[in-house]
Amino acid sequence: MSFAAAPRRPSGGAPRARRRSPLGVAIVAVAIVIAALLLLAQFWTEVMWFSQLGFSRVIWTEWGMRAALFTAGFLVMGGAVFWSFTAAYRSRPIYAPSTPEQATLDQYREAVEPLRRVVMIAAPVLVGFFAGVAASAQWRTLLLAFNGEPFGQTDPEFGMDLGFFVFMLPALRFTVGFLISVVVIAGIAGLITHYLYGGLRVGPAAAGGPRTTTAARVHLAVIGALGLLLIAGNYWLDRYSILTSAGDRFDGASYADVHAVIPAKGILTVVAIFVAALFIVTAFRGDWRLPAIGVGLMVVSAIAIGGIYPAVVQRFQVNPNAQELEAEYIQRNIDATLSAFDIDDVEKEQYDATTQAEEGALREDADTAASIRLLDPQVVSPSFRQLQQNKQYYNFDDSLSVDKYEIDGESRDTVIAVRELNLDGLGQDQRNWVNDHTVYTHGYGVVAAYGNQPGPDGRPAFFEGGIPSQGAISDLEGEYEPRIYFSPSTETYSIVGAPEGTEAWELDYQADEADDGGQVNTTFTGDAGPDVGSFGSKLLYALKFGEEQLLFSDRVTSESQILYDRDPQQRVSKVAPWLTLDNRVYPAVVDGRVKWIVDAYTTSDAVPYSSSTPLDEAVADTLTTQQGAPVALPEEVNYIRNSVKATVDAYDGSVDLYAWDTEDPILKTWTNVFPSSVKPMEEISGDLMSHLRYPEDLFKVQRTLLSQYHVDNSAEFFSGQDFWNNPTDPTSETTPPSLQPPYYLTLQMPGQEEPTFSLTSTFIPGGNTDREVLTGFLAVDADAGNEAGVKSEDYGKLRLLELPRDTTVPGPGQVQNNFDSNPTISEQLNILEIGASTVRRGNQLTLPVGGGLLYVQPVYIQSTGGTQFPLLRKVLVAFGDDIGFADTLDEALDQVFGGDSGAEAGDAGTAEDEAPVAPPTGEPGTEPTPEPTDEPTDEPGTGGAPSTELDAALQEAAQAMEDANAAQREGDWAAYGDAQDRLQQALEDAIAAEQAQQGGGTEG
């Protein structure tokens, strides 16, 4: 027999205590203080940030819940492992049998013994820490479970409220899964300890002798019973989770799931409970054969009942009769998906689109034709920069926004941009801490142009811009605050504010009449960031940003505030971490302030039978590709609501969350958690309401689902013969091409009484085909109205035009091919690319007018070198197979519709006399002004003469080509030769005019 206790302490007496070095103690103390300050700098500055915004409850609730879950996870996991270690060690046998196995273990015991106490404490602490971290990450899940609101809808299989699946089931699954991991790790700890100290023997045992001691048997049997009970609970919860499982053809429980898998999970639950009882019996009787047999039975049952039986049902019963047997479950999927994605009330209409363009066809669509947007917000940003950037330390986003403003009593589609701060535009000799953080602190003003009307030389027709801001928006708003302290591109922090009477040093703009060296300065007077007047605040933020200047600069005064986290999306995501944000944030001038508007969603992936959709794929298109990485999105969702509209004030950074979908149960649940975070819709002002619109990402998800779920009959859905696709963007330059984005347009859908601001998209045939004809047109009323606190009755109304299956209406790709392959158009575009110019095609818009589908695409010309910005030169139009190509949309429409379209486009008359220039004040109701500022400019087009000569030469060349083609068809070779001579002369004139533009410092 060998003694299994700890080895004796070696002789020699107690070791002499080592004297601690004062220097070492001091170093450790200083390190602890520094670490504590660094942690405090991150922790308390966050508290200050949330408190300043009025959302301190959010961070304390989140941190409190995280701390509680971390503590619970740490104690449960660490306590269970520690208990298992301790119980196994304390119940170890005093004497272990003398066997070769025990002789080997004696060596391990002697090696482990000096570290035993450390291991028995450190191991539980380590696994407890990781368990606590995992548990704290589930703070949202647990808060939803504790505060869940009913959906008022039941699932079709179990008849339970959907709130159980969305709120309670994820929490139950996490809890059961966590406890299973606790039992497994605690069991492993006990098993290793029992084996190491002789309570469990694996090798040969004496005849009839037990392999475990009584204590080890009871210990391990109890752990095994607990584990099997938890497995039984997991099997039982699997029955509900099957309703959200992904299938090959549709999501949710199928016929085989309902008739085989769900019953099998119930049977396996009973088997697991039975085997758990066998472990309890073993704890008292000492026979391990019963639980061993039970475990074997459970494994066989899991394979046979849980795996083989459902597979047999699927293959031999369902597959031969799939359409009939799956019909009920497909219909469940259709109904659940339509409801979960809010597409169950789509107004569908058969649209017998004609492809024959007739004279006067647009007479009944005159208002829509007048509103067709020619300004492409994805193309004209360089034009905004060249004409309105004003200074190098300002910039505009690459992707501008489309909105609507009421000008002189008329709602006008508008392309709008914010002049944001851009420190990268400064020279290196201007970059220092004082300039970066105290002088250049903000952008200045918005710039807006008419969407349907170009200005002189094809420029945007600005009706608001300049520094100081001038124009229709400024005049309408009265007290207008143009300073932009918060914007998506502002990444660095700024120190603003100063005591009253202090000379201002924040740069507003430069003006010749200013007293201070041509510079107009300002001092921030709002409440936008945490105070940094005290030494403690300065120290914390100096540590946070690693900037010692915060401690010593005279510009950090008792009245100073620090502005950081200035991206509107970042601010909203911090104060409302339970929301999913739209990729797009857009500006609007509301009640005299520039507001960034952010659409926010509540989402779930746990609604029974609803189709699961990857958000990142659904929202990806040309716009998101141009923007780069999108905001963080959930991987998969099967429920989404635009439940919150958020605004961020561009001046003071204040965040307001407004309840938008007041019936959304997920919003109600989060409102229970954060009762003061979300304001009621009634607090939305009429001015703000007029700028709220239907969000793009939600529409993209809905159009993705409607490509299949416009089919609401299970038999047709099963066949899939009428599934659609969203077309790729015909102007995309990526490989493979991105999807065509939806477009905001003011249009009148068939059946509507008047035009409305809408978001639109198209559909083409699905499946593996390269035939791109139009199969559907989708539009949603995007206008929320202008009544304070009241959403427009038609807002969010989805209208789907389904085209006849036997009619061939060209899709976007076919239309683009017709444009590109037309010899007259290609020749004229080649002429436009003479010299140092290049052609840029704008967005291809689709409108259901004239009894068919009208396509409109602006064509821009820009220089290939030097100063580059696009100018609108031509417009392409298609209706059926008829194509128009002219200097203006109005002329192109007339070309297509027999010389008279019956309507006037927004650019009617601009070919002859250009767009009239308004006074610099930009008074409401005046025609658009190219640049509402008094500052001189040397930008392209200001000379006028070379640009006019180039246009005249290009028009003459186009006419000469048409005459030559006509003469060739008629066999009139004399006329053909004359036309060729005129063409040659026109080309020479065009080249000369182009060179004159470049030589005069203008490029175009």
Foldseek 3Di string as FASTA:
>chain_A
DDFLDADDDDDDDDDDDDDDDPVVVVVVVVVVVVVVLLVCLVPVQVCLFCVLLVLNLLVCLLVVLLVVLLVVLLCLQLVLQLVLLVLLQVPFDRDADDDPLLVVLSVVSNVCVVCVVVCSNVVSNVVSNVRSNVRSVCSVLQLCQVQFDFLPDAAPQPRDTLSCLFRVLVVLLVVLVSVLVSLVSSLVSNVVSCSSRRQAADDDDPVVDARGDLSSLLSNLLSLLVNLLSVLVVLLSVLQQQLLDQDPQFGGQFLLCNPAQNVLSNVLSVLSNVLSVVSVVCSPPVDPPSNVVSVVVSVVSCCVRNPVVSVCCCPPPCPVPVLVRRQVLLLSLLVLLCVQLVNPFAAEDAFAFDQAFAFQLFQVFQVQQQQDFFDFQQAFLLLCCAFFLQDLQWGWDNGWDWFWDQFPNRIFIKTKTAGWGHPVSDDPVQDDPCCVAEAAQWGFAMWMFTRFAAFPQQGGQTQWGDVVIFGAVCVVLPQADTTFRFAQVDADKHKFADDPPDDFRHFDDFAPPDPPVRTDGDGADDSAARQCADQSSLSSVCSVVVPCCSNPPPSNHNTIGMDHPRHLVSVVCVSCVQWDWAQDWHWDQFSNFIKIKIFTKHFGSRRGSAGKDQLVQLLWALVCVVVDDGPDDDGITRHMDSQWMWIATRRRRRIAIEGDPVSDSVVVSVCVVVVPRYHYLLQAALRNLQGFWDGQSSVSNVVQVCLQSVDSRSSCSVVSQRGWDFDFFLQAPDVVGGGAGWDWTFGADVPRPHTATKTKGFIAHDDPDPQGFTFKIKIARTGQHRHRSHGDPRHGHIYMHGYDPPDGHGHPNVVVVLQCPDVLNVVLQVLLPPDFKHKHKRGWDWGCGSSHIKIKIWIWMWGNDDSTGTGTQWMWMRRNSFIFIDRHPQCRCCRRHVNHNSHGYNHPPCVVPGWDADALNNHRPDTGHSHSYPDDHPEACPVPPLSVQLSVLSVQLSVLVVQLVVCVVVVVVVSNVVSVVSNVVSSVSNVVSQVVCVVSVYHD
